[in-house]
Protein backbone atom coordinates (compact mmCIF):
# COMPACT_ATOMS: atom_id res chain seq x y z
CA MET A 1 0.00 0.00 0.00
CA ALA A 2 1.48 3.37 -1.01
CA ILE A 3 1.36 6.49 1.07
CA LEU A 4 0.90 9.72 -0.88
CA SER A 5 1.59 13.16 0.47
CA ASN A 6 1.19 16.50 -1.32
CA VAL A 7 3.81 19.08 -0.41
CA SER A 8 3.72 22.72 -1.57
CA PHE A 9 7.08 24.34 -2.30
CA PRO A 10 8.56 26.56 -1.08
CA CYS A 11 7.48 25.72 2.46
CA SER A 12 8.98 25.85 5.91
CA ASN A 13 7.19 22.79 7.28
CA ILE A 14 6.66 19.46 5.56
CA SER A 15 4.21 16.94 7.02
CA LEU A 16 3.64 13.36 5.94
CA LYS A 17 0.26 11.81 6.64
CA PRO A 18 0.70 8.02 6.60
CA SER A 19 -2.46 5.98 6.51
CA LEU A 20 -1.15 2.41 6.33
CA SER A 21 2.29 0.94 6.86
CA SER A 22 4.14 -0.76 4.03
CA SER A 23 7.59 -1.95 3.10
CA ARG A 24 8.01 1.05 0.79
CA HIS A 25 6.85 4.64 1.23
CA HIS A 26 6.08 6.84 -1.75
CA CYS A 27 5.89 10.61 -1.42
CA LEU A 28 4.49 12.60 -4.34
CA ILE A 29 5.92 16.13 -4.31
CA ARG A 30 3.80 18.73 -6.09
CA CYS A 31 5.27 22.21 -6.60
CA SER A 32 3.99 25.20 -8.51
CA LEU A 33 6.76 27.23 -10.20
CA GLU A 34 6.36 29.86 -12.90
CA GLY A 35 2.77 28.71 -13.40
CA LYS A 36 3.85 25.10 -14.02
CA GLU A 37 3.13 22.13 -11.79
CA VAL A 38 6.20 20.09 -11.00
CA VAL A 39 5.66 16.55 -9.77
CA SER A 40 8.56 14.60 -8.27
CA PRO A 41 8.24 11.16 -6.60
CA LEU A 42 10.43 10.18 -3.64
CA VAL A 43 10.71 6.62 -2.36
CA TRP A 44 12.35 5.20 0.78
CA SER A 45 12.14 2.04 2.87
CA LEU A 46 10.36 1.72 6.19
CA GLY A 47 13.63 1.07 7.99
CA GLU A 48 15.11 4.32 6.69
CA GLU A 49 14.40 7.49 8.67
CA VAL A 50 13.88 10.64 6.63
CA SER A 51 13.77 13.90 8.53
CA LYS A 52 11.69 16.87 7.44
CA ARG A 53 14.82 18.84 6.79
CA SER A 54 16.27 16.09 4.59
CA LEU A 55 13.05 15.84 2.62
CA LEU A 56 13.04 19.60 2.00
CA ALA A 57 16.63 19.40 0.76
CA LEU A 58 15.70 16.57 -1.60
CA VAL A 59 12.78 18.56 -2.99
CA SER A 60 14.97 21.63 -3.51
CA ALA A 61 17.66 19.64 -5.30
CA SER A 62 15.19 17.86 -7.55
CA LEU A 63 13.82 21.15 -8.86
CA PHE A 64 17.09 21.98 -10.59
CA PHE A 65 16.58 19.02 -12.91
CA VAL A 66 13.03 19.89 -13.86
CA ASP A 67 13.59 22.96 -15.97
CA PRO A 68 17.02 24.66 -16.13
CA ALA A 69 15.41 28.02 -16.90
CA LEU A 70 13.71 28.02 -13.51
CA ALA A 71 17.10 28.37 -11.83
CA PHE A 72 17.56 31.84 -13.33
CA LYS A 73 15.17 34.20 -11.60
CA GLY A 74 14.87 37.78 -12.70
CA GLY A 75 14.12 38.91 -9.18
CA GLY A 76 13.50 42.48 -8.12
CA PRO A 77 10.21 44.38 -8.35
CA TYR A 78 9.84 43.30 -12.00
CA GLY A 79 8.72 40.02 -10.50
CA GLN A 80 9.88 36.45 -10.59
CA GLY A 81 9.74 36.26 -14.36
CA VAL A 82 12.94 35.05 -15.97
CA THR A 83 14.94 37.93 -17.48
CA ARG A 84 18.31 36.19 -17.74
CA GLY A 85 19.33 34.60 -21.04
CA GLN A 86 16.05 35.60 -22.70
CA ASP A 87 15.06 37.33 -25.94
CA LEU A 88 13.43 40.53 -24.63
CA SER A 89 13.78 42.57 -27.80
CA GLY A 90 11.45 45.56 -27.93
CA LYS A 91 10.12 45.00 -24.40
CA ASP A 92 8.88 48.06 -22.52
CA PHE A 93 10.50 48.47 -19.08
CA SER A 94 10.20 52.27 -19.06
CA GLY A 95 9.82 53.91 -15.65
CA GLN A 96 10.06 50.63 -13.78
CA THR A 97 12.11 49.92 -10.65
CA LEU A 98 14.48 47.11 -11.64
CA ILE A 99 17.11 47.26 -8.92
CA ARG A 100 19.68 44.42 -9.22
CA GLN A 101 17.65 42.86 -12.03
CA ASP A 102 19.46 40.03 -13.81
CA PHE A 103 19.59 40.54 -17.61
CA LYS A 104 22.78 38.51 -18.13
CA THR A 105 23.23 37.25 -21.73
CA SER A 106 19.75 38.50 -22.72
CA ILE A 107 18.87 40.00 -26.10
CA LEU A 108 17.49 43.49 -25.41
CA ARG A 109 17.55 45.06 -28.86
CA GLN A 110 15.35 48.19 -29.05
CA ALA A 111 14.12 47.55 -25.48
CA ASN A 112 12.70 50.63 -23.75
CA PHE A 113 14.17 51.37 -20.31
CA LYS A 114 13.58 55.13 -20.35
CA GLY A 115 13.48 56.55 -16.83
CA ALA A 116 13.91 53.13 -15.21
CA LYS A 117 15.79 52.59 -11.93
CA LEU A 118 18.44 49.99 -12.74
CA LEU A 119 20.84 50.32 -9.81
CA GLY A 120 23.14 47.29 -9.70
CA ALA A 121 21.39 45.61 -12.64
CA SER A 122 23.45 43.10 -14.61
CA PHE A 123 23.72 43.37 -18.39
CA PHE A 124 26.71 41.03 -18.54
CA ASP A 125 27.21 39.85 -22.14
CA ALA A 126 23.78 41.25 -23.09
CA ASP A 127 22.88 42.72 -26.48
CA LEU A 128 21.43 46.21 -25.96
CA THR A 129 21.72 47.37 -29.56
CA GLY A 130 19.35 50.28 -30.16
CA ALA A 131 17.90 50.20 -26.63
CA ASP A 132 16.59 53.35 -24.92
CA LEU A 133 18.42 53.90 -21.62
CA SER A 134 17.78 57.63 -21.47
CA GLU A 135 17.24 59.19 -18.03
CA THR A 136 17.94 55.84 -16.35
CA ASP A 137 19.65 55.32 -12.99
CA LEU A 138 22.40 52.83 -13.87
CA ARG A 139 24.63 53.34 -10.85
CA GLY A 140 26.67 50.22 -10.21
CA ALA A 141 25.23 48.39 -13.24
CA ASP A 142 27.37 45.73 -14.94
CA PHE A 143 27.95 46.14 -18.69
CA SER A 144 30.90 43.74 -18.91
CA LEU A 145 31.14 42.24 -22.42
CA ALA A 146 27.82 43.92 -23.32
CA ASN A 147 26.95 45.28 -26.74
CA VAL A 148 25.87 48.87 -26.02
CA THR A 149 26.00 50.12 -29.61
CA LYS A 150 23.52 52.71 -30.89
CA VAL A 151 22.00 53.01 -27.42
CA ASN A 152 20.30 56.18 -26.18
CA LEU A 153 22.10 57.08 -22.94
CA THR A 154 20.91 60.70 -22.81
CA ASN A 155 21.02 61.93 -19.19
CA ALA A 156 21.70 58.41 -17.91
CA ASN A 157 23.58 58.14 -14.60
CA LEU A 158 26.23 55.40 -14.88
CA GLU A 159 28.24 56.29 -11.77
CA GLY A 160 30.32 53.31 -10.67
CA ALA A 161 29.05 51.07 -13.48
CA THR A 162 31.32 48.33 -14.86
CA ALA A 163 32.23 48.43 -18.55
CA THR A 164 35.18 46.16 -19.20
CA GLY A 165 36.15 43.51 -21.71
CA ASN A 166 34.64 44.04 -25.15
CA THR A 167 31.95 46.48 -24.01
CA SER A 168 31.22 48.80 -26.94
CA PHE A 169 29.36 52.13 -26.92
CA LYS A 170 29.87 52.76 -30.63
CA GLY A 171 27.14 54.91 -32.18
CA SER A 172 25.46 55.63 -28.83
CA ASN A 173 24.00 58.99 -27.79
CA ILE A 174 25.73 59.99 -24.53
CA THR A 175 24.57 63.61 -24.26
CA GLY A 176 24.38 64.45 -20.55
CA ALA A 177 25.40 60.93 -19.47
CA ASP A 178 27.42 60.67 -16.25
CA PHE A 179 30.37 58.22 -16.49
CA THR A 180 31.89 59.01 -13.09
CA ASP A 181 34.16 56.16 -11.90
CA VAL A 182 33.31 53.96 -14.88
CA PRO A 183 36.41 51.94 -15.91
CA LEU A 184 36.73 52.16 -19.69
CA ARG A 185 39.26 50.83 -22.18
CA ASP A 186 41.46 53.59 -23.55
CA ASP A 187 40.01 53.21 -27.04
CA GLN A 188 36.43 53.47 -25.73
CA ARG A 189 37.25 56.51 -23.59
CA GLU A 190 38.92 58.19 -26.57
CA TYR A 191 35.91 57.44 -28.78
CA LEU A 192 33.38 58.71 -26.21
CA CYS A 193 35.36 61.91 -25.60
CA LYS A 194 34.97 62.75 -29.29
CA ILE A 195 31.16 62.74 -29.01
CA ALA A 196 30.73 63.76 -25.35
CA ASP A 197 28.48 66.74 -24.71
CA GLY A 198 26.00 68.11 -22.21
CA VAL A 199 25.49 68.07 -18.45
CA ASN A 200 23.65 65.39 -16.51
CA ALA A 201 20.30 66.76 -15.32
CA THR A 202 20.43 64.79 -12.05
CA THR A 203 24.07 65.01 -10.93
CA GLY A 204 24.96 68.33 -12.58
CA ASN A 205 28.19 66.79 -13.90
CA ALA A 206 29.41 67.51 -17.42
CA THR A 207 29.76 64.37 -19.51
CA ARG A 208 33.25 65.29 -20.70
CA ASP A 209 34.42 65.82 -17.12
CA THR A 210 33.12 62.44 -15.99
CA LEU A 211 34.98 60.79 -18.87
CA LEU A 212 38.19 62.59 -17.86
CA CYS A 213 38.51 64.01 -21.36
CA ASN A 214 41.40 66.40 -21.98
């Protein structure tokens, strides 16, 4: 006779409700993630003691083999929707609060982030070609290896952002952008100084000054 228990995940307490004893116990784990129901069976012998904590650990571990995409949460106020490694071309994120949002390796061509709060957001190896990042708060954002070509960075605040590796700002509009403490390759700094203009409306810093242009 099998014993079936339904367990919701995540949960802090797991209870098993045995009805009849048997030589084998079967526990059917049902979890709801990203709108999908995940069912995972666990089996153990009567002579084997399984603690609640051990069972929770087994459930957690099993979820990583259900759908790899579920391991990459977008997080932040945008919600639990996956934003990492996704094609989000043309999506409208304008005016949203997306602090520490994970956009690693995502395709964000022509995406609209105008006026969004993106403090600490990660755009590592993302494709932002043609995106609108005007008037955004990008302090501490990570643009390592990102394609930031033809992007509108008008009045964007990039203080302390990371832009190393092959990060390229070619063809971007940086009028009024604040690049204070942004580490740039010499060739990128030289290129940006040729087109730098304006003063950031929020910080009051001149773009050329923040780029340390001569």
